[in-house]
């Protein structure tokens, strides 16, 4: 039952009602962790299969998406992973990832026991604009398109570097080279 749950251990939901109660019981801690990283958390969906969360930056200097995901996982179940999350680009520039936070007694529903976290982009695009972009909406549209393309390239580069790291094994030297390259290009280090 959720009232006897101990963070840091996998919760095992026997029923959909128990799964939903677990999600809703962990939501205040998730919101508190997100707030500490500069985000507000919105809930959408039924919470009967997965926990669909929307994270919106709430202040300047909000953490990157991967740092937020690790904080959300820690708050949700007390268990984190040592590597970066896999991110998928969604409409309106959102980034999304799936975070497993508990076991379910049934296995016929993919995604059950997971947080589906969508992160609204930080205000980095607005901060990149110069005076021309601020005054001219056409120039701003061009600038944002170029910035979005650069973000897609950086995400692709970071994913490729993580794949190289996985293939190279646990060599400390390779890990440092890859982590430095990811950090240099704006991604979260693995």
C-alpha atoms as a PDB file:
ATOM      1  CA  UNK A   1       0.000   0.000   0.000  1.00  0.00           C
ATOM      2  CA  UNK A   2       1.194   3.545  -0.667  1.00  0.00           C
ATOM      3  CA  UNK A   3       1.080   4.569   3.025  1.00  0.00           C
ATOM      4  CA  UNK A   4       3.841   2.070   3.809  1.00  0.00           C
ATOM      5  CA  UNK A   5       6.014   2.909   0.803  1.00  0.00           C
ATOM      6  CA  UNK A   6       9.691   3.609   1.517  1.00  0.00           C
ATOM      7  CA  UNK A   7      11.486   5.808  -1.048  1.00  0.00           C
ATOM      8  CA  UNK A   8      14.529   4.083  -2.502  1.00  0.00           C
ATOM      9  CA  UNK A   9      12.692   0.797  -2.915  1.00  0.00           C
ATOM     10  CA  UNK A  10      10.596  -0.225  -5.906  1.00  0.00           C
ATOM     11  CA  UNK A  11       6.890   0.046  -5.180  1.00  0.00           C
ATOM     12  CA  UNK A  12       4.870  -2.881  -6.557  1.00  0.00           C
ATOM     13  CA  UNK A  13       1.327  -1.918  -7.631  1.00  0.00           C
ATOM     14  CA  UNK A  14      -1.097  -4.817  -7.553  1.00  0.00           C
ATOM     15  CA  UNK A  15      -4.059  -2.931  -9.052  1.00  0.00           C
ATOM     16  CA  UNK A  16      -4.678   0.118 -11.222  1.00  0.00           C
ATOM     17  CA  UNK A  17      -6.255   1.867  -8.212  1.00  0.00           C
ATOM     18  CA  UNK A  18      -3.109   1.219  -6.169  1.00  0.00           C
ATOM     19  CA  UNK A  19      -0.943   2.510  -9.034  1.00  0.00           C
ATOM     20  CA  UNK A  20      -3.006   5.696  -9.269  1.00  0.00           C
ATOM     21  CA  UNK A  21      -2.823   6.214  -5.492  1.00  0.00           C
ATOM     22  CA  UNK A  22       0.966   5.783  -5.618  1.00  0.00           C
ATOM     23  CA  UNK A  23       1.305   8.365  -8.398  1.00  0.00           C
ATOM     24  CA  UNK A  24      -0.852  10.918  -6.593  1.00  0.00           C
ATOM     25  CA  UNK A  25       0.950  10.316  -3.285  1.00  0.00           C
ATOM     26  CA  UNK A  26       4.328  11.049  -4.913  1.00  0.00           C
ATOM     27  CA  UNK A  27       3.144  14.155  -6.788  1.00  0.00           C
ATOM     28  CA  UNK A  28       3.813  16.688  -3.967  1.00  0.00           C
ATOM     29  CA  UNK A  29       7.437  15.520  -3.639  1.00  0.00           C
ATOM     30  CA  UNK A  30       7.860  15.656  -7.431  1.00  0.00           C
ATOM     31  CA  UNK A  31       6.499  19.207  -7.530  1.00  0.00           C
ATOM     32  CA  UNK A  32       8.799  20.267  -4.695  1.00  0.00           C
ATOM     33  CA  UNK A  33      11.861  18.812  -6.458  1.00  0.00           C
ATOM     34  CA  UNK A  34      10.901  20.470  -9.739  1.00  0.00           C
ATOM     35  CA  UNK A  35      10.383  23.801  -7.981  1.00  0.00           C
ATOM     36  CA  UNK A  36      13.923  23.581  -6.579  1.00  0.00           C
ATOM     37  CA  UNK A  37      15.129  23.278 -10.191  1.00  0.00           C
ATOM     38  CA  UNK A  38      13.050  26.222 -11.441  1.00  0.00           C
ATOM     39  CA  UNK A  39      10.046  24.345 -12.858  1.00  0.00           C
ATOM     40  CA  UNK A  40       6.329  24.062 -12.181  1.00  0.00           C
ATOM     41  CA  UNK A  41       4.716  20.668 -12.754  1.00  0.00           C
ATOM     42  CA  UNK A  42       1.318  20.219 -14.374  1.00  0.00           C
ATOM     43  CA  UNK A  43      -0.586  16.947 -14.365  1.00  0.00           C
ATOM     44  CA  UNK A  44      -2.554  15.687 -17.353  1.00  0.00           C
ATOM     45  CA  UNK A  45      -4.134  12.381 -18.186  1.00  0.00           C
ATOM     46  CA  UNK A  46      -6.023   9.931 -16.018  1.00  0.00           C
ATOM     47  CA  UNK A  47      -3.061   8.616 -13.928  1.00  0.00           C
ATOM     48  CA  UNK A  48      -4.491   5.127 -14.513  1.00  0.00           C
ATOM     49  CA  UNK A  49      -1.589   3.838 -16.640  1.00  0.00           C
ATOM     50  CA  UNK A  50       1.264   6.317 -16.463  1.00  0.00           C
ATOM     51  CA  UNK A  51       1.875   9.640 -14.768  1.00  0.00           C
ATOM     52  CA  UNK A  52       1.818  12.321 -17.473  1.00  0.00           C
ATOM     53  CA  UNK A  53       3.608  15.438 -16.263  1.00  0.00           C
ATOM     54  CA  UNK A  54       4.335  18.746 -17.952  1.00  0.00           C
ATOM     55  CA  UNK A  55       7.293  20.726 -16.612  1.00  0.00           C
ATOM     56  CA  UNK A  56       7.313  24.434 -17.422  1.00  0.00           C
ATOM     57  CA  UNK A  57      10.239  26.680 -16.530  1.00  0.00           C
ATOM     58  CA  UNK A  58       9.098  29.018 -13.783  1.00  0.00           C
ATOM     59  CA  UNK A  59      12.158  31.198 -13.331  1.00  0.00           C
ATOM     60  CA  UNK A  60      15.279  32.259 -15.174  1.00  0.00           C
ATOM     61  CA  UNK A  61      18.165  29.880 -14.619  1.00  0.00           C
ATOM     62  CA  UNK A  62      16.000  26.746 -14.531  1.00  0.00           C
ATOM     63  CA  UNK A  63      17.961  23.483 -14.738  1.00  0.00           C
ATOM     64  CA  UNK A  64      18.371  21.591 -17.996  1.00  0.00           C
ATOM     65  CA  UNK A  65      15.838  18.863 -18.806  1.00  0.00           C
ATOM     66  CA  UNK A  66      18.081  15.943 -17.826  1.00  0.00           C
ATOM     67  CA  UNK A  67      18.930  17.421 -14.417  1.00  0.00           C
ATOM     68  CA  UNK A  68      15.203  17.942 -13.872  1.00  0.00           C
ATOM     69  CA  UNK A  69      14.427  14.332 -14.892  1.00  0.00           C
ATOM     70  CA  UNK A  70      16.953  12.978 -12.390  1.00  0.00           C
ATOM     71  CA  UNK A  71      15.437  15.157  -9.632  1.00  0.00           C
ATOM     72  CA  UNK A  72      11.913  14.004 -10.555  1.00  0.00           C
ATOM     73  CA  UNK A  73      12.985  10.337 -10.442  1.00  0.00           C
ATOM     74  CA  UNK A  74      14.662  10.834  -7.067  1.00  0.00           C
ATOM     75  CA  UNK A  75      11.541  12.524  -5.682  1.00  0.00           C
ATOM     76  CA  UNK A  76       9.171   9.956  -7.192  1.00  0.00           C
ATOM     77  CA  UNK A  77      10.840   6.782  -6.033  1.00  0.00           C
ATOM     78  CA  UNK A  78      14.217   7.588  -4.505  1.00  0.00           C
ATOM     79  CA  UNK A  79      15.975   5.719  -7.292  1.00  0.00           C
ATOM     80  CA  UNK A  80      18.040   7.408  -9.982  1.00  0.00           C
ATOM     81  CA  UNK A  81      20.169   6.276 -12.854  1.00  0.00           C
ATOM     82  CA  UNK A  82      23.787   7.139 -13.492  1.00  0.00           C
ATOM     83  CA  UNK A  83      23.326   7.968 -17.172  1.00  0.00           C
ATOM     84  CA  UNK A  84      21.374  10.613 -19.055  1.00  0.00           C
ATOM     85  CA  UNK A  85      17.787   9.993 -20.079  1.00  0.00           C
ATOM     86  CA  UNK A  86      16.785   9.426 -23.691  1.00  0.00           C
ATOM     87  CA  UNK A  87      14.914  12.515 -24.934  1.00  0.00           C
ATOM     88  CA  UNK A  88      12.500  12.758 -27.825  1.00  0.00           C
ATOM     89  CA  UNK A  89      11.579  16.066 -29.456  1.00  0.00           C
ATOM     90  CA  UNK A  90       7.817  16.718 -29.412  1.00  0.00           C
ATOM     91  CA  UNK A  91       5.592  19.407 -30.976  1.00  0.00           C
ATOM     92  CA  UNK A  92       6.124  23.019 -29.835  1.00  0.00           C
ATOM     93  CA  UNK A  93       9.751  22.252 -28.985  1.00  0.00           C
ATOM     94  CA  UNK A  94       8.953  20.098 -25.954  1.00  0.00           C
ATOM     95  CA  UNK A  95      11.376  17.384 -24.924  1.00  0.00           C
ATOM     96  CA  UNK A  96       9.927  14.162 -23.529  1.00  0.00           C
ATOM     97  CA  UNK A  97      11.295  11.160 -21.688  1.00  0.00           C
ATOM     98  CA  UNK A  98       9.909   8.177 -19.821  1.00  0.00           C
ATOM     99  CA  UNK A  99      10.998   7.472 -16.250  1.00  0.00           C
ATOM    100  CA  UNK A 100      10.208   4.079 -14.660  1.00  0.00           C
ATOM    101  CA  UNK A 101       9.207   4.587 -11.017  1.00  0.00           C
ATOM    102  CA  UNK A 102       7.426   1.376  -9.945  1.00  0.00           C
ATOM    103  CA  UNK A 103       6.529  -2.190 -10.879  1.00  0.00           C
ATOM    104  CA  UNK A 104       3.054  -3.282 -11.897  1.00  0.00           C
ATOM    105  CA  UNK A 105       1.472  -6.696 -11.420  1.00  0.00           C
ATOM    106  CA  UNK A 106       0.277  -6.626 -15.028  1.00  0.00           C
ATOM    107  CA  UNK A 107       2.505  -6.411 -18.064  1.00  0.00           C
ATOM    108  CA  UNK A 108       0.057  -5.901 -20.945  1.00  0.00           C
ATOM    109  CA  UNK A 109       0.133  -2.077 -20.726  1.00  0.00           C
ATOM    110  CA  UNK A 110       3.364  -0.585 -22.009  1.00  0.00           C
ATOM    111  CA  UNK A 111       4.376   2.420 -19.945  1.00  0.00           C
ATOM    112  CA  UNK A 112       2.493   1.407 -16.809  1.00  0.00           C
ATOM    113  CA  UNK A 113       4.542   2.382 -13.785  1.00  0.00           C
ATOM    114  CA  UNK A 114       6.301   5.237 -15.616  1.00  0.00           C
ATOM    115  CA  UNK A 115       6.340   9.013 -15.555  1.00  0.00           C
ATOM    116  CA  UNK A 116       6.013  10.493 -19.019  1.00  0.00           C
ATOM    117  CA  UNK A 117       7.752  13.822 -18.507  1.00  0.00           C
ATOM    118  CA  UNK A 118       7.349  16.600 -21.084  1.00  0.00           C
ATOM    119  CA  UNK A 119       9.610  19.589 -20.560  1.00  0.00           C
ATOM    120  CA  UNK A 120       8.710  22.943 -22.080  1.00  0.00           C
ATOM    121  CA  UNK A 121      11.835  24.658 -23.431  1.00  0.00           C
ATOM    122  CA  UNK A 122      13.598  27.134 -21.182  1.00  0.00           C
ATOM    123  CA  UNK A 123      13.631  30.772 -22.250  1.00  0.00           C
ATOM    124  CA  UNK A 124      17.040  30.316 -23.883  1.00  0.00           C
ATOM    125  CA  UNK A 125      15.624  31.275 -27.283  1.00  0.00           C
ATOM    126  CA  UNK A 126      14.366  34.627 -25.978  1.00  0.00           C
ATOM    127  CA  UNK A 127      17.732  35.305 -24.341  1.00  0.00           C
ATOM    128  CA  UNK A 128      19.579  34.657 -27.623  1.00  0.00           C
ATOM    129  CA  UNK A 129      17.795  37.485 -29.485  1.00  0.00           C
ATOM    130  CA  UNK A 130      19.569  40.730 -30.162  1.00  0.00           C
ATOM    131  CA  UNK A 131      17.940  44.103 -30.695  1.00  0.00           C
ATOM    132  CA  UNK A 132      17.023  43.291 -34.314  1.00  0.00           C
ATOM    133  CA  UNK A 133      15.156  40.127 -33.344  1.00  0.00           C
ATOM    134  CA  UNK A 134      13.375  41.867 -30.475  1.00  0.00           C
ATOM    135  CA  UNK A 135      12.072  44.602 -32.812  1.00  0.00           C
ATOM    136  CA  UNK A 136      11.358  42.555 -35.956  1.00  0.00           C
ATOM    137  CA  UNK A 137       9.106  39.486 -35.754  1.00  0.00           C
ATOM    138  CA  UNK A 138      10.338  38.175 -39.143  1.00  0.00           C
ATOM    139  CA  UNK A 139      13.962  38.326 -37.977  1.00  0.00           C
ATOM    140  CA  UNK A 140      12.958  36.622 -34.718  1.00  0.00           C
ATOM    141  CA  UNK A 141      11.236  33.800 -36.645  1.00  0.00           C
ATOM    142  CA  UNK A 142      14.408  33.211 -38.687  1.00  0.00           C
ATOM    143  CA  UNK A 143      16.575  33.332 -35.574  1.00  0.00           C
ATOM    144  CA  UNK A 144      14.345  30.892 -33.669  1.00  0.00           C
ATOM    145  CA  UNK A 145      14.335  28.498 -36.618  1.00  0.00           C
ATOM    146  CA  UNK A 146      18.124  28.583 -36.766  1.00  0.00           C
ATOM    147  CA  UNK A 147      18.345  28.125 -33.003  1.00  0.00           C
ATOM    148  CA  UNK A 148      15.902  25.181 -33.098  1.00  0.00           C
ATOM    149  CA  UNK A 149      18.014  23.541 -35.840  1.00  0.00           C
ATOM    150  CA  UNK A 150      21.127  24.004 -33.705  1.00  0.00           C
ATOM    151  CA  UNK A 151      19.320  22.428 -30.726  1.00  0.00           C
ATOM    152  CA  UNK A 152      18.344  19.431 -32.875  1.00  0.00           C
ATOM    153  CA  UNK A 153      21.968  19.077 -33.989  1.00  0.00           C
ATOM    154  CA  UNK A 154      23.231  19.271 -30.408  1.00  0.00           C
ATOM    155  CA  UNK A 155      20.701  16.670 -29.242  1.00  0.00           C
ATOM    156  CA  UNK A 156      21.798  14.386 -32.098  1.00  0.00           C
ATOM    157  CA  UNK A 157      25.462  14.915 -31.229  1.00  0.00           C
ATOM    158  CA  UNK A 158      24.862  14.141 -27.554  1.00  0.00           C
ATOM    159  CA  UNK A 159      22.936  10.953 -28.433  1.00  0.00           C
ATOM    160  CA  UNK A 160      25.758   9.847 -30.748  1.00  0.00           C
ATOM    161  CA  UNK A 161      28.366  10.509 -28.067  1.00  0.00           C
ATOM    162  CA  UNK A 162      26.360   8.506 -25.518  1.00  0.00           C
ATOM    163  CA  UNK A 163      26.205   5.621 -28.004  1.00  0.00           C
ATOM    164  CA  UNK A 164      29.985   5.816 -28.454  1.00  0.00           C
ATOM    165  CA  UNK A 165      30.391   5.754 -24.697  1.00  0.00           C
ATOM    166  CA  UNK A 166      28.162   2.670 -24.415  1.00  0.00           C
ATOM    167  CA  UNK A 167      30.202   0.885 -27.071  1.00  0.00           C
ATOM    168  CA  UNK A 168      33.537   1.909 -25.557  1.00  0.00           C
ATOM    169  CA  UNK A 169      32.734   0.475 -22.153  1.00  0.00           C
ATOM    170  CA  UNK A 170      33.651   1.993 -18.836  1.00  0.00           C
ATOM    171  CA  UNK A 171      37.031   3.440 -19.742  1.00  0.00           C
ATOM    172  CA  UNK A 172      37.546   6.481 -17.502  1.00  0.00           C
ATOM    173  CA  UNK A 173      39.479   8.247 -20.251  1.00  0.00           C
ATOM    174  CA  UNK A 174      36.738   7.717 -22.862  1.00  0.00           C
ATOM    175  CA  UNK A 175      34.029   8.667 -20.328  1.00  0.00           C
ATOM    176  CA  UNK A 176      35.820  11.978 -19.621  1.00  0.00           C
ATOM    177  CA  UNK A 177      36.272  12.802 -23.317  1.00  0.00           C
ATOM    178  CA  UNK A 178      32.604  12.089 -24.081  1.00  0.00           C
ATOM    179  CA  UNK A 179      31.321  13.894 -20.975  1.00  0.00           C
ATOM    180  CA  UNK A 180      33.452  16.951 -21.801  1.00  0.00           C
ATOM    181  CA  UNK A 181      32.194  16.992 -25.402  1.00  0.00           C
ATOM    182  CA  UNK A 182      28.550  16.672 -24.334  1.00  0.00           C
ATOM    183  CA  UNK A 183      28.936  19.418 -21.733  1.00  0.00           C
ATOM    184  CA  UNK A 184      30.704  21.696 -24.228  1.00  0.00           C
ATOM    185  CA  UNK A 185      27.753  21.429 -26.618  1.00  0.00           C
ATOM    186  CA  UNK A 186      25.090  22.168 -24.007  1.00  0.00           C
ATOM    187  CA  UNK A 187      23.934  18.650 -23.189  1.00  0.00           C
ATOM    188  CA  UNK A 188      23.787  17.003 -19.788  1.00  0.00           C
ATOM    189  CA  UNK A 189      26.883  14.901 -19.170  1.00  0.00           C
ATOM    190  CA  UNK A 190      26.305  11.175 -18.746  1.00  0.00           C
END
